[in-house]
Amino acid sequence: MSRGLARLLVGLSFALGALGAAPSATAEEQAYRYWSFWTWEPDASEWVYADQGPGTLRPADGAVVGFRFGVSGEAGDRKAPRGETDAALVCDPAAEEPAVVLVLDFGSETDAPGEATPPAARAECVELPSGATVAELLAEAAPPLRYDQAGLLCGIAGYPERGCGEAVAEADEGSGDGSSATAPLLVGVGLVALLGTAALVRARRRRG
């Protein structure tokens, strides 16, 4: 399998919402640096890799959702967010307005691209308008957000300033600005972003 096709398969798996699936072994178990999306399961007291994108997930009042920036390969290598997950400690229990806890973990220095210094992790209470998606809450609570041409989430609260889901080996070898959208998190509307991802990969293959 060609390297370009392997990238396309990984990107399409994210675009289809299969966020809990491990990258294909045919992609040579490559690790990628990207923002992953998680939901907190209070009954199990653990983070669960989200089974749909933040652009479609509409959380319930009191839910806890999180994003973690880092280097991830197979499913077992994924790093869950670090931060407060007790909604009663983050949000005012007496508040009448619906709210969600948003946990943002910018990763460690090991996860950081180049010379970047990751900000401290944070958890905050975000007001939940009726029918709002996690992507909408994120845009309100953690600007600026950065996306690539295919609508893929590349940066939260301005971090990182460059790169977007690049393969770690490529990034470490200094492959330009790292804008290759291989396996980042999808924030958008399923089919539109899916077609955008495929078109982007095809265009880059033609330029190559």
Protein backbone atom coordinates (compact mmCIF):
# COMPACT_ATOMS: atom_id res chain seq x y z
CA MET A 1 0.00 0.00 0.00
CA SER A 2 1.33 3.44 -0.91
CA ARG A 3 2.08 5.95 1.81
CA GLY A 4 -0.47 8.39 0.38
CA LEU A 5 -3.22 5.78 0.41
CA ALA A 6 -2.39 4.85 4.00
CA ARG A 7 -2.78 8.51 4.99
CA LEU A 8 -6.10 8.72 3.19
CA LEU A 9 -7.46 5.65 4.99
CA VAL A 10 -6.51 7.05 8.39
CA GLY A 11 -8.05 10.43 7.58
CA LEU A 12 -11.26 8.87 6.30
CA SER A 13 -11.64 6.77 9.44
CA PHE A 14 -11.73 9.96 11.52
CA ALA A 15 -14.06 11.72 9.09
CA LEU A 16 -16.57 8.90 9.30
CA GLY A 17 -16.72 9.35 13.05
CA ALA A 18 -14.80 6.20 13.94
CA LEU A 19 -12.91 8.09 16.58
CA GLY A 20 -12.59 5.06 18.84
CA ALA A 21 -10.93 2.87 16.22
CA ALA A 22 -7.20 2.27 16.14
CA PRO A 23 -5.22 3.30 13.04
CA SER A 24 -4.87 0.50 10.53
CA ALA A 25 -1.84 -1.73 10.82
CA THR A 26 -1.34 -1.08 7.11
CA ALA A 27 -0.40 2.47 8.05
CA GLU A 28 2.69 0.92 9.68
CA GLU A 29 1.30 1.79 13.13
CA GLN A 30 2.48 5.35 12.64
CA ALA A 31 2.01 7.79 15.53
CA TYR A 32 0.39 11.18 14.93
CA ARG A 33 0.31 14.44 16.85
CA TYR A 34 -3.23 15.79 17.16
CA TRP A 35 -6.11 16.85 19.41
CA SER A 36 -8.16 13.85 20.53
CA PHE A 37 -11.72 14.10 21.83
CA TRP A 38 -13.03 12.27 24.91
CA THR A 39 -16.13 11.93 27.09
CA TRP A 40 -16.11 11.22 30.81
CA GLU A 41 -18.15 8.23 31.97
CA PRO A 42 -18.98 8.82 35.66
CA ASP A 43 -20.32 5.31 36.23
CA ALA A 44 -17.01 3.82 35.12
CA SER A 45 -14.93 6.71 36.46
CA GLU A 46 -12.90 6.87 33.28
CA TRP A 47 -12.38 8.78 30.06
CA VAL A 48 -13.73 7.14 26.90
CA TYR A 49 -12.50 7.99 23.42
CA ALA A 50 -15.48 9.69 21.76
CA ASP A 51 -17.48 7.65 19.27
CA GLN A 52 -18.56 10.75 17.35
CA GLY A 53 -17.06 14.11 16.55
CA PRO A 54 -17.53 17.29 18.59
CA GLY A 55 -19.35 18.78 15.61
CA THR A 56 -22.22 16.31 16.09
CA LEU A 57 -22.13 15.44 19.79
CA ARG A 58 -24.73 17.40 21.78
CA PRO A 59 -23.89 16.92 25.45
CA ALA A 60 -26.42 16.72 28.24
CA ASP A 61 -26.51 19.09 31.18
CA GLY A 62 -23.74 18.16 33.62
CA ALA A 63 -21.69 16.21 31.07
CA VAL A 64 -17.89 16.31 31.11
CA VAL A 65 -16.04 16.36 27.79
CA GLY A 66 -12.35 16.73 27.15
CA PHE A 67 -9.67 17.35 24.54
CA ARG A 68 -6.09 16.14 24.80
CA PHE A 69 -3.21 17.20 22.57
CA GLY A 70 -0.51 14.61 22.18
CA VAL A 71 1.22 11.92 20.20
CA SER A 72 -0.98 8.87 19.71
CA GLY A 73 -0.57 5.64 17.81
CA GLU A 74 -2.55 2.50 18.48
CA ALA A 75 -5.65 2.63 20.69
CA GLY A 76 -3.65 1.63 23.76
CA ASP A 77 -1.26 4.53 23.22
CA ARG A 78 -3.89 7.24 23.34
CA LYS A 79 -3.54 9.67 26.21
CA ALA A 80 -6.70 10.76 28.02
CA PRO A 81 -7.17 14.32 29.31
CA ARG A 82 -5.85 15.24 32.74
CA GLY A 83 -7.96 17.54 34.85
CA GLU A 84 -10.92 17.86 37.19
CA THR A 85 -13.83 15.66 36.13
CA ASP A 86 -16.27 16.28 38.98
CA ALA A 87 -18.89 18.63 37.54
CA ALA A 88 -20.00 19.67 41.02
CA LEU A 89 -16.50 20.98 41.76
CA VAL A 90 -16.14 22.89 38.49
CA CYS A 91 -19.66 24.22 38.06
CA ASP A 92 -21.86 25.83 40.70
CA PRO A 93 -24.33 23.13 41.81
CA ALA A 94 -26.84 25.87 42.65
CA ALA A 95 -26.77 27.36 39.16
CA GLU A 96 -30.04 27.09 37.29
CA GLU A 97 -28.62 27.28 33.77
CA PRO A 98 -27.53 24.03 32.08
CA ALA A 99 -23.77 23.69 31.81
CA VAL A 100 -21.00 21.34 30.71
CA VAL A 101 -17.49 20.84 32.04
CA LEU A 102 -14.89 21.32 29.32
CA VAL A 103 -11.44 19.87 30.07
CA LEU A 104 -8.54 21.05 27.91
CA ASP A 105 -5.24 19.22 28.26
CA PHE A 106 -2.52 20.74 26.09
CA GLY A 107 -0.22 17.78 26.64
CA SER A 108 3.31 17.51 27.94
CA GLU A 109 6.58 18.90 26.64
CA THR A 110 7.20 15.49 25.09
CA ASP A 111 4.00 15.89 23.07
CA ALA A 112 4.77 19.46 22.02
CA PRO A 113 5.89 20.15 18.45
CA GLY A 114 9.31 21.74 18.06
CA GLU A 115 10.14 24.30 20.75
CA ALA A 116 6.50 24.92 21.74
CA THR A 117 5.61 25.09 25.43
CA PRO A 118 2.18 23.63 26.20
CA PRO A 119 -0.14 25.73 28.38
CA ALA A 120 -1.35 24.30 31.66
CA ALA A 121 -4.35 21.99 31.52
CA ARG A 122 -7.62 23.54 32.56
CA ALA A 123 -11.21 22.61 33.30
CA GLU A 124 -14.01 25.14 33.11
CA CYS A 125 -17.75 25.33 33.35
CA VAL A 126 -19.35 26.31 30.04
CA GLU A 127 -22.98 27.38 29.74
CA LEU A 128 -24.95 24.95 27.58
CA PRO A 129 -27.43 26.55 25.17
CA SER A 130 -30.25 24.30 24.01
CA GLY A 131 -29.09 21.95 21.26
CA ALA A 132 -25.48 23.16 21.26
CA THR A 133 -22.71 20.88 20.04
CA VAL A 134 -19.35 20.44 21.75
CA ALA A 135 -17.72 22.23 18.82
CA GLU A 136 -19.90 25.28 19.47
CA LEU A 137 -19.05 25.25 23.16
CA LEU A 138 -15.36 24.94 22.33
CA ALA A 139 -15.48 27.92 19.99
CA GLU A 140 -17.07 29.99 22.74
CA ALA A 141 -14.78 28.88 25.57
CA ALA A 142 -11.37 28.40 23.95
CA PRO A 143 -10.70 30.74 21.03
CA PRO A 144 -8.91 31.01 18.75
CA LEU A 145 -9.53 27.67 17.09
CA ARG A 146 -7.54 26.73 14.02
CA TYR A 147 -8.70 24.46 11.20
CA ASP A 148 -7.14 23.23 7.98
CA GLN A 149 -8.67 23.38 4.49
CA ALA A 150 -10.66 20.20 5.08
CA GLY A 151 -12.29 21.50 8.25
CA LEU A 152 -10.08 19.51 10.61
CA LEU A 153 -9.37 20.85 14.08
CA CYS A 154 -5.68 21.77 14.33
CA GLY A 155 -5.41 24.15 17.29
CA ILE A 156 -7.36 25.04 20.43
CA ALA A 157 -6.83 28.36 22.23
CA GLY A 158 -4.08 29.07 19.73
CA TYR A 159 -2.14 25.88 20.51
CA PRO A 160 -0.21 24.68 18.69
CA GLU A 161 0.46 27.56 16.34
CA ARG A 162 1.40 25.28 13.45
CA GLY A 163 0.88 21.73 12.27
CA CYS A 164 -2.20 19.60 11.92
CA GLY A 165 -2.27 15.89 12.65
CA GLU A 166 1.11 15.24 11.09
CA ALA A 167 2.94 11.96 11.39
CA VAL A 168 5.48 12.36 14.17
CA ALA A 169 8.39 11.05 12.11
CA GLU A 170 7.65 13.61 9.39
CA ALA A 171 7.33 16.45 11.90
CA ASP A 172 10.60 15.54 13.58
CA GLU A 173 12.33 15.53 10.19
CA GLY A 174 11.18 19.12 9.63
CA SER A 175 8.57 18.62 6.92
CA GLY A 176 7.56 22.24 6.36
CA ASP A 177 4.71 23.61 8.45
CA GLY A 178 3.29 20.16 9.23
CA SER A 179 -0.04 20.99 7.62
CA SER A 180 -0.59 17.47 6.29
CA ALA A 181 -4.00 16.38 7.58
CA THR A 182 -3.33 12.70 8.16
CA ALA A 183 -5.16 11.81 11.36
CA PRO A 184 -6.45 14.83 13.28
CA LEU A 185 -9.82 15.20 14.91
CA LEU A 186 -12.77 16.11 12.68
CA VAL A 187 -14.89 19.10 13.62
CA GLY A 188 -17.55 19.64 10.97
CA VAL A 189 -20.41 18.00 9.19
CA GLY A 190 -19.65 14.38 8.32
CA LEU A 191 -19.93 14.02 4.56
CA VAL A 192 -18.76 17.52 3.67
CA ALA A 193 -15.58 17.13 5.72
CA LEU A 194 -15.12 13.59 4.42
CA LEU A 195 -15.12 14.80 0.83
CA GLY A 196 -12.86 17.70 1.77
CA THR A 197 -10.31 15.32 3.30
CA ALA A 198 -10.27 13.09 0.24
CA ALA A 199 -9.93 16.06 -2.10
CA LEU A 200 -7.07 17.50 -0.08
CA VAL A 201 -5.12 14.24 -0.18
CA ARG A 202 -5.71 13.82 -3.91
CA ALA A 203 -4.59 17.39 -4.60
CA ARG A 204 -1.39 16.92 -2.64
CA ARG A 205 -0.68 13.67 -4.44
CA ARG A 206 -1.05 15.46 -7.78
CA ARG A 207 1.29 18.24 -6.68
CA GLY A 208 3.79 15.59 -5.58
